[in-house]
Amino acid sequence: MLQGFPPVVTHDTHTLILGSFPGEASLAATQYYAHPRNQFWRLLGTVLDEPQLARLAYEERLRRMLAHGIGVWDVLAACRREGSLDVAIRDAQPNDFASLREYVPQLKRVCFNGKTAGRFATVIGAAGYETLVLPSSSPANAMLSFEQKLLAWHGVVG
């Protein structure tokens, strides 16, 4: 079984971006969105008006993201998977979102990075959160250009 990462949040986090599960590059680096072709940090930096975000050291990226009230996590805590594609996920175990509510009382909006993560939007929305399914930042989502993805990603900031 592959194990995911803990949430990167603070008590002031108002928006959470959920991916499905870390890819191979991210698991190897123990960093969210570590694949060099994943557009997550570039998209987030653009919508936060921090265009240098993707070029900063990982810890600084996290610090700046959190300073904007945005956190990151995944819908899955563990799974079996060969490679990095979501379609290969087996034996998925979801993260415990109920416990997150106590730790992140300001959380209002949950954005899903891609359709696989977005399958949980209905459940999260029923818990009282505003939800938004975003186009995946993954390099596997090559059907949309960066600019097309960016249009939707502006919803992360409101």
Foldseek 3Di string as FASTA:
>chain_A
DDFADDKLAALQAAEEEAEAGAFPQCSVVVAHPRDPQQCVQCLVCVLVVNNCLVVDDRVVNSVVCRVLNYMYYYQFGDFDADGGDPVRTHPTHGDDVVVVCVRHVNYAEYEYQDDVRVVCVVVVVVVHHHYHYAHHSDPVSPPDDPVRRSVRSNVSND
